[in-house]
Amino acid sequence: MRQVRAGIIGGAGYAGGEMIRLLVNHPGVDIRFIHSKSNAGKNVYEVHEDLLGDTDLKFDAEWHSDVDVVFLCLGHGEAKNSSTSPGQVWTAY
């Protein structure tokens, strides 16, 4: 079975943490990046301490395009401003 390549934008907040918890051990998902401007470079478990031992992923300041799906886990009103990033176009399904 081919894994779905996923990205999470806004991974440091509550919604992002819940999305990570749902996806991190899912056999059909490969998390390619977890975006957070304010926590870029930190290990995910430094912010979401309950994920210690589940992942060694780090927060990334950049969005990546090598994904099949992107989960926007941003605060109220931020998602509408995040539909595009310089050089990238996202398609909503």
Foldseek 3Di string as FASTA:
>chain_A
DAAFEEEEEPLLDDQNVVVCVVALPDPRHDDPAYEDQVFAPAFSCVRVVVCVVSDRGGHHNDDDDPGDYYHYPDDPPVVVVPQDDVPDHDDDD
